[in-house]
PDB file of all heavy atoms in Angstrom:
ATOM      1  N   PHE A   1       0.878  -1.172  -0.045  1.00  0.00           N
ATOM      2  CA  PHE A   1       0.014   0.018   0.004  1.00  0.00           C
ATOM      3  C   PHE A   1       0.892   1.227  -0.017  1.00  0.00           C
ATOM      4  O   PHE A   1       1.869   1.332   0.780  1.00  0.00           O
ATOM      5  CB  PHE A   1      -0.943  -0.007   1.222  1.00  0.00           C
ATOM      6  CG  PHE A   1      -1.654   1.328   1.352  1.00  0.00           C
ATOM      7  CD1 PHE A   1      -2.746   1.658   0.495  1.00  0.00           C
ATOM      8  CD2 PHE A   1      -1.204   2.355   2.214  1.00  0.00           C
ATOM      9  CE1 PHE A   1      -3.413   2.855   0.635  1.00  0.00           C
ATOM     10  CE2 PHE A   1      -1.860   3.582   2.378  1.00  0.00           C
ATOM     11  CZ  PHE A   1      -2.989   3.799   1.527  1.00  0.00           C
ATOM     12  N   ILE A   2       0.574   2.207  -0.844  1.00  0.00           N
ATOM     13  CA  ILE A   2       1.254   3.490  -0.926  1.00  0.00           C
ATOM     14  C   ILE A   2       0.211   4.623  -0.791  1.00  0.00           C
ATOM     15  O   ILE A   2      -0.764   4.626  -1.545  1.00  0.00           O
ATOM     16  CB  ILE A   2       2.041   3.631  -2.232  1.00  0.00           C
ATOM     17  CG1 ILE A   2       3.168   2.683  -2.328  1.00  0.00           C
ATOM     18  CG2 ILE A   2       2.575   5.045  -2.367  1.00  0.00           C
ATOM     19  CD1 ILE A   2       4.293   2.881  -1.338  1.00  0.00           C
ATOM     20  N   SER A   3       0.468   5.482   0.161  1.00  0.00           N
ATOM     21  CA  SER A   3      -0.429   6.680   0.336  1.00  0.00           C
ATOM     22  C   SER A   3      -0.068   7.688  -0.705  1.00  0.00           C
ATOM     23  O   SER A   3       1.117   8.002  -0.935  1.00  0.00           O
ATOM     24  CB  SER A   3      -0.234   7.210   1.737  1.00  0.00           C
ATOM     25  OG  SER A   3      -0.960   8.506   1.810  1.00  0.00           O
ATOM     26  N   LEU A   4      -1.088   8.306  -1.331  1.00  0.00           N
ATOM     27  CA  LEU A   4      -0.837   9.415  -2.277  1.00  0.00           C
ATOM     28  C   LEU A   4      -1.037  10.763  -1.621  1.00  0.00           C
ATOM     29  O   LEU A   4      -1.261  11.750  -2.333  1.00  0.00           O
ATOM     30  CB  LEU A   4      -1.834   9.251  -3.468  1.00  0.00           C
ATOM     31  CG  LEU A   4      -1.575   8.006  -4.287  1.00  0.00           C
ATOM     32  CD1 LEU A   4      -2.668   7.869  -5.425  1.00  0.00           C
ATOM     33  CD2 LEU A   4      -0.232   7.995  -4.919  1.00  0.00           C
ATOM     34  N   ASP A   5      -0.906  10.758  -0.276  1.00  0.00           N
ATOM     35  CA  ASP A   5      -0.845  11.957   0.495  1.00  0.00           C
ATOM     36  C   ASP A   5      -2.021  12.908   0.135  1.00  0.00           C
ATOM     37  O   ASP A   5      -3.175  12.502   0.296  1.00  0.00           O
ATOM     38  CB  ASP A   5       0.443  12.704   0.337  1.00  0.00           C
ATOM     39  CG  ASP A   5       1.654  11.845   0.795  1.00  0.00           C
ATOM     40  OD1 ASP A   5       1.438  11.023   1.665  1.00  0.00           O
ATOM     41  OD2 ASP A   5       2.745  11.922   0.194  1.00  0.00           O
ATOM     42  N   ASP A   6      -1.821  14.097  -0.295  1.00  0.00           N
ATOM     43  CA  ASP A   6      -2.850  15.126  -0.456  1.00  0.00           C
ATOM     44  C   ASP A   6      -3.375  15.180  -1.902  1.00  0.00           C
ATOM     45  O   ASP A   6      -4.001  16.091  -2.301  1.00  0.00           O
ATOM     46  CB  ASP A   6      -2.355  16.503  -0.109  1.00  0.00           C
ATOM     47  CG  ASP A   6      -1.111  16.951  -0.771  1.00  0.00           C
ATOM     48  OD1 ASP A   6      -0.545  16.165  -1.590  1.00  0.00           O
ATOM     49  OD2 ASP A   6      -0.679  18.157  -0.692  1.00  0.00           O
ATOM     50  N   ALA A   7      -3.103  14.186  -2.725  1.00  0.00           N
ATOM     51  CA  ALA A   7      -3.593  14.175  -4.107  1.00  0.00           C
ATOM     52  C   ALA A   7      -5.124  14.031  -4.096  1.00  0.00           C
ATOM     53  O   ALA A   7      -5.741  13.441  -3.193  1.00  0.00           O
ATOM     54  CB  ALA A   7      -2.964  12.975  -4.831  1.00  0.00           C
ATOM     55  N   ASP A   8      -5.750  14.559  -5.136  1.00  0.00           N
ATOM     56  CA  ASP A   8      -7.204  14.386  -5.205  1.00  0.00           C
ATOM     57  C   ASP A   8      -7.473  13.088  -5.989  1.00  0.00           C
ATOM     58  O   ASP A   8      -6.559  12.433  -6.512  1.00  0.00           O
ATOM     59  CB  ASP A   8      -7.791  15.573  -5.950  1.00  0.00           C
ATOM     60  CG  ASP A   8      -7.303  15.870  -7.326  1.00  0.00           C
ATOM     61  OD1 ASP A   8      -6.877  14.955  -8.000  1.00  0.00           O
ATOM     62  OD2 ASP A   8      -7.424  16.960  -7.837  1.00  0.00           O
ATOM     63  N   HIS A   9      -8.718  12.737  -6.132  1.00  0.00           N
ATOM     64  CA  HIS A   9      -9.100  11.496  -6.738  1.00  0.00           C
ATOM     65  C   HIS A   9      -8.626  11.334  -8.122  1.00  0.00           C
ATOM     66  O   HIS A   9      -8.187  10.226  -8.579  1.00  0.00           O
ATOM     67  CB  HIS A   9     -10.612  11.285  -6.614  1.00  0.00           C
ATOM     68  CG  HIS A   9     -11.075   9.916  -7.220  1.00  0.00           C
ATOM     69  ND1 HIS A   9     -10.791   8.736  -6.616  1.00  0.00           N
ATOM     70  CD2 HIS A   9     -11.791   9.680  -8.323  1.00  0.00           C
ATOM     71  CE1 HIS A   9     -11.316   7.749  -7.353  1.00  0.00           C
ATOM     72  NE2 HIS A   9     -11.890   8.276  -8.378  1.00  0.00           N
ATOM     73  N   LEU A  10      -8.737  12.400  -8.926  1.00  0.00           N
ATOM     74  CA  LEU A  10      -8.392  12.343 -10.369  1.00  0.00           C
ATOM     75  C   LEU A  10      -6.870  12.585 -10.557  1.00  0.00           C
ATOM     76  O   LEU A  10      -6.472  12.602 -11.775  1.00  0.00           O
ATOM     77  CB  LEU A  10      -9.188  13.405 -11.132  1.00  0.00           C
ATOM     78  CG  LEU A  10     -10.676  13.116 -11.112  1.00  0.00           C
ATOM     79  CD1 LEU A  10     -11.353  14.274 -11.922  1.00  0.00           C
ATOM     80  CD2 LEU A  10     -11.009  11.777 -11.755  1.00  0.00           C
ATOM     81  N   LEU A  11      -6.069  12.762  -9.544  1.00  0.00           N
ATOM     82  CA  LEU A  11      -4.648  13.055  -9.711  1.00  0.00           C
ATOM     83  C   LEU A  11      -4.472  14.197 -10.620  1.00  0.00           C
ATOM     84  O   LEU A  11      -3.688  14.184 -11.629  1.00  0.00           O
ATOM     85  CB  LEU A  11      -3.944  11.809 -10.189  1.00  0.00           C
ATOM     86  CG  LEU A  11      -3.974  10.570  -9.403  1.00  0.00           C
ATOM     87  CD1 LEU A  11      -3.071   9.418 -10.000  1.00  0.00           C
ATOM     88  CD2 LEU A  11      -3.563  10.781  -7.970  1.00  0.00           C
ATOM     89  N   SER A  12      -5.195  15.324 -10.365  1.00  0.00           N
ATOM     90  CA  SER A  12      -5.169  16.492 -11.184  1.00  0.00           C
ATOM     91  C   SER A  12      -3.811  17.153 -11.309  1.00  0.00           C
ATOM     92  O   SER A  12      -3.477  17.726 -12.366  1.00  0.00           O
ATOM     93  CB  SER A  12      -6.227  17.530 -10.724  1.00  0.00           C
ATOM     94  OG  SER A  12      -7.490  16.946 -10.684  1.00  0.00           O
ATOM     95  N   GLU A  13      -3.058  17.068 -10.271  1.00  0.00           N
ATOM     96  CA  GLU A  13      -1.722  17.691 -10.279  1.00  0.00           C
ATOM     97  C   GLU A  13      -0.742  16.771 -10.987  1.00  0.00           C
ATOM     98  O   GLU A  13      -0.672  15.554 -10.643  1.00  0.00           O
ATOM     99  CB  GLU A  13      -1.244  17.953  -8.853  1.00  0.00           C
ATOM    100  CG  GLU A  13      -2.028  19.021  -8.132  1.00  0.00           C
ATOM    101  CD  GLU A  13      -1.811  20.425  -8.618  1.00  0.00           C
ATOM    102  OE1 GLU A  13      -0.764  20.661  -9.201  1.00  0.00           O
ATOM    103  OE2 GLU A  13      -2.693  21.265  -8.414  1.00  0.00           O
ATOM    104  N   THR A  14      -0.004  17.288 -11.904  1.00  0.00           N
ATOM    105  CA  THR A  14       1.004  16.548 -12.621  1.00  0.00           C
ATOM    106  C   THR A  14       1.973  15.777 -11.739  1.00  0.00           C
ATOM    107  O   THR A  14       2.297  14.626 -11.947  1.00  0.00           O
ATOM    108  CB  THR A  14       1.796  17.411 -13.626  1.00  0.00           C
ATOM    109  OG1 THR A  14       0.876  17.993 -14.570  1.00  0.00           O
ATOM    110  CG2 THR A  14       2.882  16.580 -14.411  1.00  0.00           C
ATOM    111  N   LYS A  15       2.369  16.412 -10.684  1.00  0.00           N
ATOM    112  CA  LYS A  15       3.325  15.841  -9.697  1.00  0.00           C
ATOM    113  C   LYS A  15       2.805  14.561  -9.044  1.00  0.00           C
ATOM    114  O   LYS A  15       3.527  13.633  -8.783  1.00  0.00           O
ATOM    115  CB  LYS A  15       3.776  16.847  -8.670  1.00  0.00           C
ATOM    116  CG  LYS A  15       2.622  17.336  -7.723  1.00  0.00           C
ATOM    117  CD  LYS A  15       3.196  18.300  -6.722  1.00  0.00           C
ATOM    118  CE  LYS A  15       2.035  18.794  -5.839  1.00  0.00           C
ATOM    119  NZ  LYS A  15       1.461  17.820  -4.997  1.00  0.00           N
ATOM    120  N   ASP A  16       1.524  14.561  -8.892  1.00  0.00           N
ATOM    121  CA  ASP A  16       0.839  13.335  -8.285  1.00  0.00           C
ATOM    122  C   ASP A  16       0.813  12.219  -9.234  1.00  0.00           C
ATOM    123  O   ASP A  16       1.087  11.054  -8.773  1.00  0.00           O
ATOM    124  CB  ASP A  16      -0.515  13.706  -7.825  1.00  0.00           C
ATOM    125  CG  ASP A  16      -0.505  14.751  -6.653  1.00  0.00           C
ATOM    126  OD1 ASP A  16       0.387  14.724  -5.811  1.00  0.00           O
ATOM    127  OD2 ASP A  16      -1.454  15.573  -6.578  1.00  0.00           O
ATOM    128  N   SER A  17       0.412  12.393 -10.452  1.00  0.00           N
ATOM    129  CA  SER A  17       0.332  11.321 -11.373  1.00  0.00           C
ATOM    130  C   SER A  17       1.714  10.774 -11.756  1.00  0.00           C
ATOM    131  O   SER A  17       1.963   9.568 -11.938  1.00  0.00           O
ATOM    132  CB  SER A  17      -0.463  11.688 -12.688  1.00  0.00           C
ATOM    133  OG  SER A  17       0.069  12.880 -13.255  1.00  0.00           O
ATOM    134  N   GLU A  18       2.685  11.683 -11.928  1.00  0.00           N
ATOM    135  CA  GLU A  18       4.038  11.248 -12.175  1.00  0.00           C
ATOM    136  C   GLU A  18       4.630  10.435 -10.999  1.00  0.00           C
ATOM    137  O   GLU A  18       5.288   9.431 -11.218  1.00  0.00           O
ATOM    138  CB  GLU A  18       4.949  12.458 -12.520  1.00  0.00           C
ATOM    139  CG  GLU A  18       4.625  13.066 -13.781  1.00  0.00           C
ATOM    140  CD  GLU A  18       5.580  14.190 -14.201  1.00  0.00           C
ATOM    141  OE1 GLU A  18       6.233  14.741 -13.307  1.00  0.00           O
ATOM    142  OE2 GLU A  18       5.715  14.523 -15.377  1.00  0.00           O
ATOM    143  N   TYR A  19       4.311  10.885  -9.846  1.00  0.00           N
ATOM    144  CA  TYR A  19       4.784  10.147  -8.672  1.00  0.00           C
ATOM    145  C   TYR A  19       4.192   8.738  -8.640  1.00  0.00           C
ATOM    146  O   TYR A  19       4.887   7.736  -8.449  1.00  0.00           O
ATOM    147  CB  TYR A  19       4.357  10.878  -7.364  1.00  0.00           C
ATOM    148  CG  TYR A  19       4.557  10.155  -6.092  1.00  0.00           C
ATOM    149  CD1 TYR A  19       5.809   9.995  -5.509  1.00  0.00           C
ATOM    150  CD2 TYR A  19       3.475   9.573  -5.424  1.00  0.00           C
ATOM    151  CE1 TYR A  19       6.016   9.326  -4.356  1.00  0.00           C
ATOM    152  CE2 TYR A  19       3.643   8.872  -4.172  1.00  0.00           C
ATOM    153  CZ  TYR A  19       4.861   8.755  -3.689  1.00  0.00           C
ATOM    154  OH  TYR A  19       5.114   8.099  -2.532  1.00  0.00           O
ATOM    155  N   ALA A  20       2.869   8.658  -8.909  1.00  0.00           N
ATOM    156  CA  ALA A  20       2.188   7.389  -8.948  1.00  0.00           C
ATOM    157  C   ALA A  20       2.870   6.486  -9.988  1.00  0.00           C
ATOM    158  O   ALA A  20       3.110   5.230  -9.720  1.00  0.00           O
ATOM    159  CB  ALA A  20       0.705   7.560  -9.253  1.00  0.00           C
ATOM    160  N   GLY A  21       3.070   6.991 -11.172  1.00  0.00           N
ATOM    161  CA  GLY A  21       3.682   6.214 -12.272  1.00  0.00           C
ATOM    162  C   GLY A  21       5.078   5.740 -11.890  1.00  0.00           C
ATOM    163  O   GLY A  21       5.449   4.548 -12.168  1.00  0.00           O
ATOM    164  N   ASN A  22       5.849   6.557 -11.291  1.00  0.00           N
ATOM    165  CA  ASN A  22       7.229   6.198 -10.870  1.00  0.00           C
ATOM    166  C   ASN A  22       7.204   5.146  -9.741  1.00  0.00           C
ATOM    167  O   ASN A  22       8.070   4.220  -9.754  1.00  0.00           O
ATOM    168  CB  ASN A  22       8.044   7.412 -10.442  1.00  0.00           C
ATOM    169  CG  ASN A  22       8.377   8.291 -11.651  1.00  0.00           C
ATOM    170  OD1 ASN A  22       8.643   7.804 -12.762  1.00  0.00           O
ATOM    171  ND2 ASN A  22       8.469   9.596 -11.455  1.00  0.00           N
ATOM    172  N   ILE A  23       6.343   5.270  -8.828  1.00  0.00           N
ATOM    173  CA  ILE A  23       6.210   4.297  -7.757  1.00  0.00           C
ATOM    174  C   ILE A  23       5.826   2.961  -8.294  1.00  0.00           C
ATOM    175  O   ILE A  23       6.396   1.933  -7.919  1.00  0.00           O
ATOM    176  CB  ILE A  23       5.182   4.792  -6.702  1.00  0.00           C
ATOM    177  CG1 ILE A  23       5.735   5.940  -5.916  1.00  0.00           C
ATOM    178  CG2 ILE A  23       4.825   3.603  -5.765  1.00  0.00           C
ATOM    179  CD1 ILE A  23       6.931   5.645  -4.962  1.00  0.00           C
ATOM    180  N   ILE A  24       4.879   2.912  -9.229  1.00  0.00           N
ATOM    181  CA  ILE A  24       4.497   1.634  -9.829  1.00  0.00           C
ATOM    182  C   ILE A  24       5.619   1.013 -10.544  1.00  0.00           C
ATOM    183  O   ILE A  24       5.896  -0.176 -10.448  1.00  0.00           O
ATOM    184  CB  ILE A  24       3.255   1.893 -10.837  1.00  0.00           C
ATOM    185  CG1 ILE A  24       2.033   2.315 -10.036  1.00  0.00           C
ATOM    186  CG2 ILE A  24       2.988   0.494 -11.537  1.00  0.00           C
ATOM    187  CD1 ILE A  24       0.915   2.777 -10.959  1.00  0.00           C
ATOM    188  N   GLY A  25       6.385   1.849 -11.305  1.00  0.00           N
ATOM    189  CA  GLY A  25       7.556   1.386 -12.012  1.00  0.00           C
ATOM    190  C   GLY A  25       8.581   0.746 -11.093  1.00  0.00           C
ATOM    191  O   GLY A  25       9.125  -0.339 -11.380  1.00  0.00           O
ATOM    192  N   MET A  26       8.927   1.470 -10.024  1.00  0.00           N
ATOM    193  CA  MET A  26       9.872   0.927  -9.051  1.00  0.00           C
ATOM    194  C   MET A  26       9.351  -0.355  -8.418  1.00  0.00           C
ATOM    195  O   MET A  26      10.125  -1.303  -8.167  1.00  0.00           O
ATOM    196  CB  MET A  26      10.083   1.978  -7.926  1.00  0.00           C
ATOM    197  CG  MET A  26      10.873   3.212  -8.458  1.00  0.00           C
ATOM    198  SD  MET A  26      12.537   2.803  -8.964  1.00  0.00           S
ATOM    199  CE  MET A  26      13.262   2.378  -7.420  1.00  0.00           C
ATOM    200  N   TRP A  27       8.049  -0.373  -8.104  1.00  0.00           N
ATOM    201  CA  TRP A  27       7.482  -1.580  -7.464  1.00  0.00           C
ATOM    202  C   TRP A  27       7.528  -2.832  -8.320  1.00  0.00           C
ATOM    203  O   TRP A  27       7.828  -3.940  -7.826  1.00  0.00           O
ATOM    204  CB  TRP A  27       6.042  -1.253  -7.105  1.00  0.00           C
ATOM    205  CG  TRP A  27       5.218  -2.430  -6.563  1.00  0.00           C
ATOM    206  CD1 TRP A  27       5.247  -2.963  -5.260  1.00  0.00           C
ATOM    207  CD2 TRP A  27       4.253  -3.148  -7.313  1.00  0.00           C
ATOM    208  NE1 TRP A  27       4.352  -3.981  -5.227  1.00  0.00           N
ATOM    209  CE2 TRP A  27       3.721  -4.119  -6.427  1.00  0.00           C
ATOM    210  CE3 TRP A  27       3.757  -3.103  -8.598  1.00  0.00           C
ATOM    211  CZ2 TRP A  27       2.761  -5.058  -6.808  1.00  0.00           C
ATOM    212  CZ3 TRP A  27       2.770  -3.952  -9.011  1.00  0.00           C
ATOM    213  CH2 TRP A  27       2.246  -4.976  -8.101  1.00  0.00           C
TER     214      TRP A  27
END
């Protein structure tokens, strides 16, 4: 499980979606 902290549901902020993508890639 990884918390996306203060991201909104749609990952509207670029930094949030890029973070999610990089975390998945590392995982």
